C-alpha atoms as a PDB file:
ATOM      1  CA  MET A   1      45.799 108.109  80.058  1.00  0.00           C
ATOM      2  CA  ARG A   2      49.306 106.967  82.036  1.00  0.00           C
ATOM      3  CA  ALA A   3      47.288 106.706  85.773  1.00  0.00           C
ATOM      4  CA  SER A   4      44.830 104.682  84.094  1.00  0.00           C
ATOM      5  CA  PHE A   5      47.040 101.803  81.776  1.00  0.00           C
ATOM      6  CA  ASP A   6      48.749 100.942  85.289  1.00  0.00           C
ATOM      7  CA  ARG A   7      45.767 100.447  86.928  1.00  0.00           C
ATOM      8  CA  MET A   8      44.643  98.217  83.865  1.00  0.00           C
ATOM      9  CA  GLU A   9      47.920  96.639  83.074  1.00  0.00           C
ATOM     10  CA  ILE A  10      48.537  95.229  86.466  1.00  0.00           C
ATOM     11  CA  SER A  11      47.980  92.240  87.292  1.00  0.00           C
ATOM     12  CA  LEU A  12      48.659  89.637  90.525  1.00  0.00           C
ATOM     13  CA  ASP A  13      51.990  88.364  88.215  1.00  0.00           C
ATOM     14  CA  ILE A  14      55.164  89.922  88.888  1.00  0.00           C
ATOM     15  CA  ALA A  15      56.008  91.923  85.520  1.00  0.00           C
ATOM     16  CA  ILE A  16      59.703  92.720  86.273  1.00  0.00           C
ATOM     17  CA  SER A  17      62.369  92.205  89.092  1.00  0.00           C
ATOM     18  CA  VAL A  18      64.579  95.154  89.689  1.00  0.00           C
ATOM     19  CA  ILE A  19      67.660  93.922  91.130  1.00  0.00           C
ATOM     20  CA  ILE A  20      69.852  96.535  92.699  1.00  0.00           C
ATOM     21  CA  PRO A  21      73.701  95.650  94.602  1.00  0.00           C
ATOM     22  CA  VAL A  22      74.153  98.002  96.278  1.00  0.00           C
ATOM     23  CA  TYR A  23      77.659  98.986  98.329  1.00  0.00           C
ATOM     24  CA  ASN A  24      78.313 102.776  99.954  1.00  0.00           C
ATOM     25  CA  VAL A  25      76.136 104.609  98.130  1.00  0.00           C
ATOM     26  CA  GLU A  26      74.081 106.366 100.531  1.00  0.00           C
ATOM     27  CA  LYS A  27      74.643 109.459  98.808  1.00  0.00           C
ATOM     28  CA  PHE A  28      72.726 108.204  96.002  1.00  0.00           C
ATOM     29  CA  LEU A  29      71.104 105.347  97.345  1.00  0.00           C
ATOM     30  CA  LYS A  30      67.403 107.118  97.841  1.00  0.00           C
ATOM     31  CA  GLU A  31      67.218 108.294  94.275  1.00  0.00           C
ATOM     32  CA  THR A  32      67.870 105.604  92.818  1.00  0.00           C
ATOM     33  CA  ILE A  33      65.029 103.266  94.215  1.00  0.00           C
ATOM     34  CA  GLU A  34      63.031 106.469  94.118  1.00  0.00           C
ATOM     35  CA  SER A  35      63.261 106.216  90.211  1.00  0.00           C
ATOM     36  CA  VAL A  36      61.795 102.953  90.396  1.00  0.00           C
ATOM     37  CA  LEU A  37      59.135 103.531  92.920  1.00  0.00           C
ATOM     38  CA  ASN A  38      58.091 106.978  90.498  1.00  0.00           C
ATOM     39  CA  GLN A  39      57.426 104.333  87.143  1.00  0.00           C
ATOM     40  CA  GLU A  40      54.426 104.407  85.611  1.00  0.00           C
ATOM     41  CA  LEU A  41      54.200 100.262  85.692  1.00  0.00           C
ATOM     42  CA  GLN A  42      53.290  99.927  89.328  1.00  0.00           C
ATOM     43  CA  ASN A  43      53.956  96.059  89.165  1.00  0.00           C
ATOM     44  CA  PHE A  44      57.852  95.511  89.805  1.00  0.00           C
ATOM     45  CA  GLU A  45      59.642  94.512  92.821  1.00  0.00           C
ATOM     46  CA  ILE A  46      62.608  95.674  94.034  1.00  0.00           C
ATOM     47  CA  ILE A  47      65.080  93.634  95.214  1.00  0.00           C
ATOM     48  CA  LEU A  48      68.049  95.131  97.394  1.00  0.00           C
ATOM     49  CA  ILE A  49      71.062  93.296  97.995  1.00  0.00           C
ATOM     50  CA  ASN A  50      73.881  94.861 100.548  1.00  0.00           C
ATOM     51  CA  ASP A  51      77.184  94.212  99.446  1.00  0.00           C
ATOM     52  CA  GLY A  52      78.724  94.642 103.081  1.00  0.00           C
ATOM     53  CA  SER A  53      78.384  98.539 102.911  1.00  0.00           C
ATOM     54  CA  THR A  54      80.575 100.435 105.445  1.00  0.00           C
ATOM     55  CA  ASP A  55      78.285 103.596 105.339  1.00  0.00           C
ATOM     56  CA  SER A  56      74.713 104.236 105.707  1.00  0.00           C
ATOM     57  CA  SER A  57      73.129 102.157 102.519  1.00  0.00           C
ATOM     58  CA  ALA A  58      71.734  98.884 104.835  1.00  0.00           C
ATOM     59  CA  ALA A  59      69.732 101.434 106.640  1.00  0.00           C
ATOM     60  CA  ILE A  60      68.099 102.963 103.850  1.00  0.00           C
ATOM     61  CA  CYS A  61      67.514 100.055 101.967  1.00  0.00           C
ATOM     62  CA  ARG A  62      65.339  99.155 105.632  1.00  0.00           C
ATOM     63  CA  LYS A  63      63.469 101.930 105.540  1.00  0.00           C
ATOM     64  CA  TYR A  64      62.584 101.421 102.319  1.00  0.00           C
ATOM     65  CA  ALA A  65      61.784  97.866 102.444  1.00  0.00           C
ATOM     66  CA  ALA A  66      59.924  99.004 105.888  1.00  0.00           C
ATOM     67  CA  LEU A  67      57.541 101.338 103.851  1.00  0.00           C
ATOM     68  CA  ASP A  68      56.643  99.414 100.367  1.00  0.00           C
ATOM     69  CA  SER A  69      55.675  95.409 100.892  1.00  0.00           C
ATOM     70  CA  ARG A  70      57.149  95.122  96.954  1.00  0.00           C
ATOM     71  CA  ILE A  71      60.988  95.826  97.852  1.00  0.00           C
ATOM     72  CA  TYR A  72      62.896  93.006  99.554  1.00  0.00           C
ATOM     73  CA  PHE A  73      66.281  93.803 101.381  1.00  0.00           C
ATOM     74  CA  PHE A  74      69.196  91.163 102.014  1.00  0.00           C
ATOM     75  CA  ASN A  75      72.340  91.421 103.729  1.00  0.00           C
ATOM     76  CA  GLN A  76      75.600  89.600 102.398  1.00  0.00           C
ATOM     77  CA  GLN A  77      79.310  90.155 103.384  1.00  0.00           C
ATOM     78  CA  ASN A  78      81.341  92.075 101.136  1.00  0.00           C
ATOM     79  CA  ARG A  79      81.770  89.299  98.245  1.00  0.00           C
ATOM     80  CA  GLY A  80      81.529  91.404  95.043  1.00  0.00           C
ATOM     81  CA  VAL A  81      78.846  93.064  92.811  1.00  0.00           C
ATOM     82  CA  SER A  82      78.866  89.754  90.728  1.00  0.00           C
ATOM     83  CA  VAL A  83      77.657  87.622  93.618  1.00  0.00           C
ATOM     84  CA  ALA A  84      74.880  90.331  94.701  1.00  0.00           C
ATOM     85  CA  ARG A  85      73.532  89.991  91.439  1.00  0.00           C
ATOM     86  CA  ASN A  86      73.188  86.440  91.475  1.00  0.00           C
ATOM     87  CA  GLU A  87      71.527  87.153  95.419  1.00  0.00           C
ATOM     88  CA  GLY A  88      69.547  88.731  94.282  1.00  0.00           C
ATOM     89  CA  LEU A  89      67.849  86.541  90.976  1.00  0.00           C
ATOM     90  CA  LYS A  90      67.801  83.773  93.383  1.00  0.00           C
ATOM     91  CA  TYR A  91      64.742  85.728  94.899  1.00  0.00           C
ATOM     92  CA  ALA A  92      63.562  87.525  91.380  1.00  0.00           C
ATOM     93  CA  LYS A  93      60.136  86.281  90.779  1.00  0.00           C
ATOM     94  CA  GLY A  94      59.164  89.163  87.996  1.00  0.00           C
ATOM     95  CA  LYS A  95      58.568  87.843  84.670  1.00  0.00           C
ATOM     96  CA  TYR A  96      61.353  90.126  83.634  1.00  0.00           C
ATOM     97  CA  VAL A  97      64.714  90.899  84.836  1.00  0.00           C
ATOM     98  CA  TYR A  98      66.782  93.815  85.485  1.00  0.00           C
ATOM     99  CA  PHE A  99      69.731  94.572  86.653  1.00  0.00           C
ATOM    100  CA  LEU A 100      70.429  98.633  88.113  1.00  0.00           C
ATOM    101  CA  ASP A 101      73.495  99.957  89.515  1.00  0.00           C
ATOM    102  CA  SER A 102      72.602 101.809  93.196  1.00  0.00           C
ATOM    103  CA  ASP A 103      73.991 104.952  92.098  1.00  0.00           C
ATOM    104  CA  ASP A 104      72.034 105.564  88.457  1.00  0.00           C
ATOM    105  CA  THR A 105      68.479 106.192  87.927  1.00  0.00           C
ATOM    106  CA  ILE A 106      65.954 105.655  85.160  1.00  0.00           C
ATOM    107  CA  ALA A 107      63.437 107.089  83.128  1.00  0.00           C
ATOM    108  CA  THR A 108      59.558 106.897  84.263  1.00  0.00           C
ATOM    109  CA  ASP A 109      58.362 105.117  81.523  1.00  0.00           C
ATOM    110  CA  PHE A 110      61.479 102.845  81.187  1.00  0.00           C
ATOM    111  CA  LEU A 111      59.857  99.786  82.645  1.00  0.00           C
ATOM    112  CA  SER A 112      56.590 100.116  81.022  1.00  0.00           C
ATOM    113  CA  SER A 113      57.832 100.881  77.706  1.00  0.00           C
ATOM    114  CA  SER A 114      60.472  97.639  78.405  1.00  0.00           C
ATOM    115  CA  PHE A 115      57.712  95.318  79.615  1.00  0.00           C
ATOM    116  CA  ARG A 116      55.273  96.302  77.304  1.00  0.00           C
ATOM    117  CA  ILE A 117      57.818  95.261  74.114  1.00  0.00           C
ATOM    118  CA  ALA A 118      59.274  92.474  75.865  1.00  0.00           C
ATOM    119  CA  ASP A 119      55.883  90.514  76.898  1.00  0.00           C
ATOM    120  CA  ASP A 120      54.987  91.165  73.070  1.00  0.00           C
ATOM    121  CA  CYS A 121      57.767  89.735  71.603  1.00  0.00           C
ATOM    122  CA  GLN A 122      58.450  87.249  73.788  1.00  0.00           C
ATOM    123  CA  ALA A 123      62.047  88.066  73.957  1.00  0.00           C
ATOM    124  CA  ASP A 124      64.374  86.185  76.325  1.00  0.00           C
ATOM    125  CA  ILE A 125      66.424  89.269  76.025  1.00  0.00           C
ATOM    126  CA  LEU A 126      65.339  93.244  74.981  1.00  0.00           C
ATOM    127  CA  VAL A 127      68.217  95.925  74.434  1.00  0.00           C
ATOM    128  CA  VAL A 128      67.595  99.124  76.001  1.00  0.00           C
ATOM    129  CA  GLY A 129      68.507 102.601  74.863  1.00  0.00           C
ATOM    130  CA  GLU A 130      69.498 104.509  71.944  1.00  0.00           C
ATOM    131  CA  TYR A 131      72.811 103.419  72.277  1.00  0.00           C
ATOM    132  CA  PHE A 132      72.878  99.460  72.533  1.00  0.00           C
ATOM    133  CA  THR A 133      70.178  99.442  70.027  1.00  0.00           C
ATOM    134  CA  ARG A 134      72.400 100.159  67.871  1.00  0.00           C
ATOM    135  CA  LEU A 135      74.200  96.947  68.080  1.00  0.00           C
ATOM    136  CA  LEU A 136      71.312  95.092  66.546  1.00  0.00           C
ATOM    137  CA  PRO A 137      70.797  92.269  65.483  1.00  0.00           C
ATOM    138  CA  PHE A 138      74.430  90.889  66.516  1.00  0.00           C
ATOM    139  CA  PRO A 139      75.006  92.722  69.646  1.00  0.00           C
ATOM    140  CA  THR A 140      78.479  91.011  71.320  1.00  0.00           C
ATOM    141  CA  ALA A 141      77.904  91.595  74.600  1.00  0.00           C
ATOM    142  CA  LEU A 142      75.745  94.218  76.939  1.00  0.00           C
ATOM    143  CA  PRO A 143      76.249  96.363  80.375  1.00  0.00           C
ATOM    144  CA  THR A 144      73.539  95.539  82.750  1.00  0.00           C
ATOM    145  CA  CYS A 145      71.968  98.999  82.079  1.00  0.00           C
ATOM    146  CA  GLY A 146      71.121  97.630  78.198  1.00  0.00           C
ATOM    147  CA  GLN A 147      69.856  94.705  78.703  1.00  0.00           C
ATOM    148  CA  ILE A 148      66.238  93.167  80.509  1.00  0.00           C
ATOM    149  CA  ILE A 149      66.106  89.391  80.577  1.00  0.00           C
ATOM    150  CA  LYS A 150      63.387  86.857  80.421  1.00  0.00           C
ATOM    151  CA  ARG A 151      63.667  85.054  83.796  1.00  0.00           C
ATOM    152  CA  SER A 152      62.667  81.885  82.401  1.00  0.00           C
ATOM    153  CA  PHE A 153      65.275  81.779  79.960  1.00  0.00           C
ATOM    154  CA  LEU A 154      68.102  82.438  83.073  1.00  0.00           C
ATOM    155  CA  GLU A 155      66.270  79.639  84.618  1.00  0.00           C
ATOM    156  CA  GLU A 156      66.441  76.972  81.430  1.00  0.00           C
ATOM    157  CA  PHE A 157      70.288  78.416  81.338  1.00  0.00           C
ATOM    158  CA  SER A 158      71.260  78.247  85.098  1.00  0.00           C
ATOM    159  CA  ASP A 159      75.114  77.420  85.253  1.00  0.00           C
ATOM    160  CA  ILE A 160      75.323  80.949  83.328  1.00  0.00           C
ATOM    161  CA  ARG A 161      75.516  83.438  85.492  1.00  0.00           C
ATOM    162  CA  PHE A 162      77.823  86.886  86.633  1.00  0.00           C
ATOM    163  CA  PRO A 163      81.543  85.107  87.356  1.00  0.00           C
ATOM    164  CA  GLU A 164      82.627  85.999  90.600  1.00  0.00           C
ATOM    165  CA  GLY A 165      86.138  87.922  91.465  1.00  0.00           C
ATOM    166  CA  ILE A 166      85.871  89.330  87.742  1.00  0.00           C
ATOM    167  CA  GLN A 167      85.424  92.731  87.355  1.00  0.00           C
ATOM    168  CA  PRO A 168      85.074  94.823  85.081  1.00  0.00           C
ATOM    169  CA  CYS A 169      83.609  92.493  82.398  1.00  0.00           C
ATOM    170  CA  GLU A 170      81.195  90.904  84.269  1.00  0.00           C
ATOM    171  CA  ASP A 171      77.876  91.423  82.671  1.00  0.00           C
ATOM    172  CA  GLY A 172      79.869  91.366  78.912  1.00  0.00           C
ATOM    173  CA  LEU A 173      80.533  87.892  79.705  1.00  0.00           C
ATOM    174  CA  LEU A 174      77.513  87.138  81.002  1.00  0.00           C
ATOM    175  CA  SER A 175      75.663  89.050  78.452  1.00  0.00           C
ATOM    176  CA  HIS A 176      77.978  87.828  75.624  1.00  0.00           C
ATOM    177  CA  ARG A 177      76.571  83.511  76.631  1.00  0.00           C
ATOM    178  CA  LEU A 178      73.291  84.367  77.023  1.00  0.00           C
ATOM    179  CA  LEU A 179      73.717  85.963  73.628  1.00  0.00           C
ATOM    180  CA  ALA A 180      75.028  82.826  71.574  1.00  0.00           C
ATOM    181  CA  LEU A 181      71.842  81.189  72.988  1.00  0.00           C
ATOM    182  CA  THR A 182      69.323  82.625  71.638  1.00  0.00           C
ATOM    183  CA  ASN A 183      67.822  84.836  68.333  1.00  0.00           C
ATOM    184  CA  LYS A 184      64.959  85.810  70.541  1.00  0.00           C
ATOM    185  CA  LEU A 185      66.044  89.744  71.058  1.00  0.00           C
ATOM    186  CA  ALA A 186      63.573  93.120  70.568  1.00  0.00           C
ATOM    187  CA  ALA A 187      64.437  96.808  71.231  1.00  0.00           C
ATOM    188  CA  ASN A 188      63.260  99.936  72.866  1.00  0.00           C
ATOM    189  CA  GLU A 189      65.375 102.097  71.759  1.00  0.00           C
ATOM    190  CA  LYS A 190      63.230 105.062  73.305  1.00  0.00           C
ATOM    191  CA  ALA A 191      64.302 103.714  77.406  1.00  0.00           C
ATOM    192  CA  VAL A 192      66.159 106.326  78.885  1.00  0.00           C
ATOM    193  CA  TYR A 193      68.840 105.292  81.497  1.00  0.00           C
ATOM    194  CA  PHE A 194      70.755 108.227  83.844  1.00  0.00           C
ATOM    195  CA  TYR A 195      73.943 107.136  84.456  1.00  0.00           C
ATOM    196  CA  ARG A 196      75.884 109.081  86.772  1.00  0.00           C
ATOM    197  CA  LYS A 197      79.790 110.248  86.565  1.00  0.00           C
ATOM    198  CA  HIS A 198      81.132 110.461  89.230  1.00  0.00           C
ATOM    199  CA  GLU A 199      85.021 109.406  90.726  1.00  0.00           C
ATOM    200  CA  ASN A 200      84.152 106.326  92.946  1.00  0.00           C
ATOM    201  CA  GLN A 201      82.802 104.731  89.581  1.00  0.00           C
ATOM    202  CA  ASN A 202      84.662 101.319  88.874  1.00  0.00           C
ATOM    203  CA  HIS A 203      85.487 102.260  85.361  1.00  0.00           C
ATOM    204  CA  ILE A 204      87.590 104.964  86.336  1.00  0.00           C
ATOM    205  CA  LYS A 205      89.174 103.056  89.274  1.00  0.00           C
ATOM    206  CA  ILE A 206      90.515 100.261  87.306  1.00  0.00           C
ATOM    207  CA  HIS A 207      92.318 102.927  85.256  1.00  0.00           C
ATOM    208  CA  HIS A 208      94.465 103.449  88.490  1.00  0.00           C
ATOM    209  CA  ASN A 209      95.573  99.859  88.538  1.00  0.00           C
ATOM    210  CA  CYS A 210      95.437  97.805  84.676  1.00  0.00           C
ATOM    211  CA  TRP A 211      97.524  94.710  86.111  1.00  0.00           C
ATOM    212  CA  LYS A 212      94.260  94.199  88.492  1.00  0.00           C
ATOM    213  CA  VAL A 213      92.318  94.212  85.068  1.00  0.00           C
ATOM    214  CA  LEU A 214      95.167  92.394  82.700  1.00  0.00           C
ATOM    215  CA  ARG A 215      95.296  89.311  84.969  1.00  0.00           C
ATOM    216  CA  GLN A 216      91.889  89.067  84.623  1.00  0.00           C
ATOM    217  CA  ILE A 217      91.342  88.704  80.937  1.00  0.00           C
ATOM    218  CA  PRO A 218      92.867  84.789  81.101  1.00  0.00           C
ATOM    219  CA  GLN A 219      90.143  84.255  83.601  1.00  0.00           C
ATOM    220  CA  TRP A 220      87.228  85.700  80.662  1.00  0.00           C
ATOM    221  CA  PHE A 221      88.960  83.404  77.738  1.00  0.00           C
ATOM    222  CA  ASP A 222      89.274  80.352  80.381  1.00  0.00           C
ATOM    223  CA  LEU A 223      85.571  80.549  81.273  1.00  0.00           C
ATOM    224  CA  LEU A 224      84.942  81.419  77.554  1.00  0.00           C
ATOM    225  CA  ASP A 225      86.607  78.516  76.383  1.00  0.00           C
ATOM    226  CA  LYS A 226      84.420  76.295  78.769  1.00  0.00           C
ATOM    227  CA  PHE A 227      81.205  77.840  77.580  1.00  0.00           C
ATOM    228  CA  TYR A 228      82.145  77.296  73.996  1.00  0.00           C
ATOM    229  CA  SER A 229      83.036  73.775  74.604  1.00  0.00           C
ATOM    230  CA  SER A 230      80.390  72.468  76.864  1.00  0.00           C
ATOM    231  CA  TYR A 231      77.574  73.761  73.923  1.00  0.00           C
ATOM    232  CA  HIS A 232      79.442  72.841  71.479  1.00  0.00           C
ATOM    233  CA  LEU A 233      79.520  76.060  69.755  1.00  0.00           C
ATOM    234  CA  PHE A 234      83.035  77.021  68.318  1.00  0.00           C
ATOM    235  CA  SER A 235      82.146  76.301  65.037  1.00  0.00           C
ATOM    236  CA  ASP A 236      78.631  77.929  64.588  1.00  0.00           C
ATOM    237  CA  LYS A 237      79.133  81.171  67.008  1.00  0.00           C
ATOM    238  CA  ALA A 238      83.080  81.803  66.212  1.00  0.00           C
ATOM    239  CA  LEU A 239      82.045  85.347  64.959  1.00  0.00           C
ATOM    240  CA  HIS A 240      80.255  85.484  68.513  1.00  0.00           C
ATOM    241  CA  LEU A 241      83.343  85.552  70.207  1.00  0.00           C
ATOM    242  CA  ALA A 242      85.043  86.299  67.741  1.00  0.00           C
ATOM    243  CA  ARG A 243      83.651  90.216  68.039  1.00  0.00           C
ATOM    244  CA  PHE A 244      83.713  89.658  71.543  1.00  0.00           C
ATOM    245  CA  ILE A 245      87.530  89.259  71.705  1.00  0.00           C
ATOM    246  CA  GLU A 246      87.401  92.683  69.351  1.00  0.00           C
ATOM    247  CA  HIS A 247      85.772  95.084  71.433  1.00  0.00           C
ATOM    248  CA  GLU A 248      86.423  93.994  75.509  1.00  0.00           C
ATOM    249  CA  PRO A 249      89.765  92.964  75.740  1.00  0.00           C
ATOM    250  CA  PHE A 250      90.976  94.898  72.293  1.00  0.00           C
ATOM    251  CA  TYR A 251      88.789  97.865  71.738  1.00  0.00           C
ATOM    252  CA  LEU A 252      88.260  98.823  75.936  1.00  0.00           C
ATOM    253  CA  ARG A 253      91.227  97.493  77.201  1.00  0.00           C
ATOM    254  CA  TYR A 254      94.056  97.860  74.675  1.00  0.00           C
ATOM    255  CA  THR A 255      93.432 100.813  73.270  1.00  0.00           C
ATOM    256  CA  GLU A 256      91.050 102.989  75.737  1.00  0.00           C
ATOM    257  CA  MET A 257      93.138 102.049  78.935  1.00  0.00           C
ATOM    258  CA  PRO A 258      96.299 104.030  79.890  1.00  0.00           C
ATOM    259  CA  LEU A 259      98.404 100.824  79.841  1.00  0.00           C
ATOM    260  CA  ASP A 260     102.856 101.194  79.349  1.00  0.00           C
ATOM    261  CA  ASN A 261     104.688  99.148  76.949  1.00  0.00           C
ATOM    262  CA  GLU A 262     104.786  96.024  79.281  1.00  0.00           C
ATOM    263  CA  GLN A 263     101.570  95.842  79.706  1.00  0.00           C
ATOM    264  CA  LYS A 264     100.475  96.704  75.893  1.00  0.00           C
ATOM    265  CA  LYS A 265     103.324  93.564  75.049  1.00  0.00           C
ATOM    266  CA  TYR A 266     101.573  91.186  77.684  1.00  0.00           C
ATOM    267  CA  LEU A 267      98.074  92.472  76.831  1.00  0.00           C
ATOM    268  CA  PHE A 268      98.954  92.305  72.630  1.00  0.00           C
ATOM    269  CA  ASN A 269     100.260  89.011  72.802  1.00  0.00           C
ATOM    270  CA  LEU A 270      97.564  87.253  75.481  1.00  0.00           C
ATOM    271  CA  ILE A 271      94.616  88.346  72.378  1.00  0.00           C
ATOM    272  CA  ARG A 272      96.760  87.186  69.583  1.00  0.00           C
ATOM    273  CA  SER A 273      97.661  84.004  71.320  1.00  0.00           C
ATOM    274  CA  TYR A 274      93.965  83.131  72.164  1.00  0.00           C
ATOM    275  CA  PHE A 275      92.490  84.127  68.905  1.00  0.00           C
ATOM    276  CA  ASN A 276      95.086  82.628  66.833  1.00  0.00           C
ATOM    277  CA  LEU A 277      94.495  79.279  68.691  1.00  0.00           C
ATOM    278  CA  LYS A 278      90.661  79.001  70.160  1.00  0.00           C
ATOM    279  CA  VAL A 279      89.205  81.472  67.277  1.00  0.00           C
ATOM    280  CA  SER A 280      90.619  81.579  63.982  1.00  0.00           C
ATOM    281  CA  CYS A 281      90.580  77.928  62.883  1.00  0.00           C
ATOM    282  CA  TYR A 282      86.960  78.340  62.713  1.00  0.00           C
ATOM    283  CA  LEU A 283      86.100  81.893  61.313  1.00  0.00           C
ATOM    284  CA  SER A 284      85.733  82.115  57.192  1.00  0.00           C
ATOM    285  CA  ASP A 285      87.166  84.457  54.838  1.00  0.00           C
ATOM    286  CA  LYS A 286      84.161  86.413  54.803  1.00  0.00           C
ATOM    287  CA  GLU A 287      83.610  86.540  58.527  1.00  0.00           C
ATOM    288  CA  LYS A 288      87.676  87.501  58.987  1.00  0.00           C
ATOM    289  CA  LYS A 289      86.703  90.810  56.839  1.00  0.00           C
ATOM    290  CA  SER A 290      84.102  91.698  58.748  1.00  0.00           C
ATOM    291  CA  LEU A 291      85.939  92.557  61.726  1.00  0.00           C
ATOM    292  CA  SER A 292      87.468  96.121  62.162  1.00  0.00           C
ATOM    293  CA  LYS A 293      90.310  97.226  59.937  1.00  0.00           C
ATOM    294  CA  PRO A 294      92.017  98.383  63.504  1.00  0.00           C
ATOM    295  CA  PHE A 295      91.649  94.639  64.632  1.00  0.00           C
ATOM    296  CA  LEU A 296      92.868  92.973  61.378  1.00  0.00           C
ATOM    297  CA  PHE A 297      96.399  94.854  61.386  1.00  0.00           C
ATOM    298  CA  PHE A 298      96.649  93.951  65.453  1.00  0.00           C
ATOM    299  CA  LEU A 299      95.940  90.469  64.641  1.00  0.00           C
ATOM    300  CA  ALA A 300      98.948  90.578  61.605  1.00  0.00           C
ATOM    301  CA  ALA A 301     101.154  92.705  63.358  1.00  0.00           C
ATOM    302  CA  PRO A 302     104.493  91.445  64.134  1.00  0.00           C
ATOM    303  CA  ASP A 303     104.511  93.479  67.272  1.00  0.00           C
ATOM    304  CA  TYR A 304     102.370  95.995  69.888  1.00  0.00           C
ATOM    305  CA  LYS A 305     104.776  98.373  68.665  1.00  0.00           C
ATOM    306  CA  LYS A 306     104.053  98.392  64.751  1.00  0.00           C
ATOM    307  CA  PHE A 307     100.148  98.054  65.980  1.00  0.00           C
ATOM    308  CA  ASP A 308     100.605 101.810  68.239  1.00  0.00           C
ATOM    309  CA  GLU A 309     102.098 103.395  64.920  1.00  0.00           C
ATOM    310  CA  PHE A 310      99.272 102.183  62.967  1.00  0.00           C
ATOM    311  CA  TYR A 311      96.638 102.707  65.499  1.00  0.00           C
ATOM    312  CA  LEU A 312      97.799 107.076  65.905  1.00  0.00           C
ATOM    313  CA  LYS A 313      97.683 107.322  62.382  1.00  0.00           C
ATOM    314  CA  TYR A 314      94.402 105.826  62.032  1.00  0.00           C
ATOM    315  CA  LYS A 315      92.897 107.601  64.430  1.00  0.00           C
ATOM    316  CA  VAL A 316      94.402 111.126  63.325  1.00  0.00           C
ATOM    317  CA  LEU A 317      92.725 109.944  59.342  1.00  0.00           C
ATOM    318  CA  ARG A 318      89.745 108.575  61.187  1.00  0.00           C
ATOM    319  CA  THR A 319      89.491 112.331  63.064  1.00  0.00           C
ATOM    320  CA  GLN A 320      90.000 114.181  59.747  1.00  0.00           C
ATOM    321  CA  LYS A 321      87.032 112.395  57.827  1.00  0.00           C
ATOM    322  CA  LYS A 322      84.724 113.093  60.938  1.00  0.00           C
ATOM    323  CA  ARG A 323      85.416 116.697  60.884  1.00  0.00           C
ATOM    324  CA  ILE A 324      84.819 116.827  56.778  1.00  0.00           C
ATOM    325  CA  TYR A 325      81.457 114.872  56.408  1.00  0.00           C
ATOM    326  CA  LEU A 326      80.267 117.264  59.714  1.00  0.00           C
ATOM    327  CA  LEU A 327      81.121 120.152  57.336  1.00  0.00           C
ATOM    328  CA  PHE A 328      79.526 118.652  54.596  1.00  0.00           C
ATOM    329  CA  SER A 329      76.388 117.336  56.471  1.00  0.00           C
ATOM    330  CA  LYS A 330      76.059 121.484  56.715  1.00  0.00           C
ATOM    331  CA  LEU A 331      74.835 121.792  53.101  1.00  0.00           C
ATOM    332  CA  ILE A 332      71.980 119.336  54.181  1.00  0.00           C
ATOM    333  CA  PRO A 333      68.837 121.163  53.336  1.00  0.00           C
ATOM    334  CA  ILE A 334      66.036 119.023  55.542  1.00  0.00           C
ATOM    335  CA  PRO A 335      66.632 119.570  59.277  1.00  0.00           C
ATOM    336  CA  LYS A 336      65.739 116.617  60.236  1.00  0.00           C
ATOM    337  CA  VAL A 337      67.776 114.729  58.007  1.00  0.00           C
ATOM    338  CA  LYS A 338      70.758 117.258  58.916  1.00  0.00           C
ATOM    339  CA  LYS A 339      70.107 116.841  62.615  1.00  0.00           C
ATOM    340  CA  ARG A 340      70.421 113.249  61.735  1.00  0.00           C
ATOM    341  CA  VAL A 341      73.838 113.029  60.095  1.00  0.00           C
ATOM    342  CA  LYS A 342      75.215 114.974  62.624  1.00  0.00           C
ATOM    343  CA  HIS A 343      74.468 112.951  65.382  1.00  0.00           C
ATOM    344  CA  TYR A 344      74.978 109.972  63.926  1.00  0.00           C
ATOM    345  CA  LEU A 345      78.773 111.762  62.908  1.00  0.00           C
ATOM    346  CA  ARG A 346      79.209 112.620  66.894  1.00  0.00           C
ATOM    347  CA  ASN A 347      78.294 109.683  68.420  1.00  0.00           C
ATOM    348  CA  TYR A 348      79.050 106.603  66.258  1.00  0.00           C
ATOM    349  CA  TYR A 349      81.642 107.634  63.759  1.00  0.00           C
END
């Protein structure tokens, strides 16, 4: 039945452009490309952008491009993943665009199920994967693996692209701005993305040089300030921006990175300064109360040390509550309900 579905759904139009930035991934690249070639939906194109690789990655790209007319290969000097993705977008012809990392893979029904939902709903952005769809209806930012974007929507806002010279959060800054400009969202929670863990991943390497990340955050704020000003969004979308600050520089950077006291002080002052100067005045009391307890305490704390004291106690209490809830979940008599509760507590609480 799946094979017949492919033949019935294929048309002259390209359904999805899969853009893959490539940099020194010779160990994983073949598997990544093959995972796209093995999709149930075959009406796609693959755009490979080699970002100055020094290993055999370029040769692997050339080989696949020569074997399949749906695969396009482009070379550029090493300029970073944002430039590579933006360059790939220039060549995309699909109705939708998906940015796939060159060391990861996708399930065989990923494109078919996603395109069907996105096309039926005429979504500007399709949120994919169980983890990311739980952020709906108001996601503040999405990684590239968690979103499929309508190409005409990207073309309509051609000034919004991956910011060059910024990593991490280049994908969050792109998606946050796009999400502020549309309410035409849809979800495919069953789309499965296989995230490969290895020692050279960017989210691991950035912890080795925290200052490099922290020094980029003023660029994040500057980019956001220009965006919200040029589109006149501060009054209507202040909560969207507040939640981004809560999620990205606060939770992902302040609470999760191995920062020393000097770095904590720097980021503590930076976040609070921007939030109080640019965001707070646009939020209603109800909107402020919708922010998380740790973030609200962070904004009100006299210094970072007082916040750290609070947050340590908060995490201990939260862990204890989770253990109690898991214990009580064992008493639930209905197996399906028990499974769902345990899954929620382990992954989201």
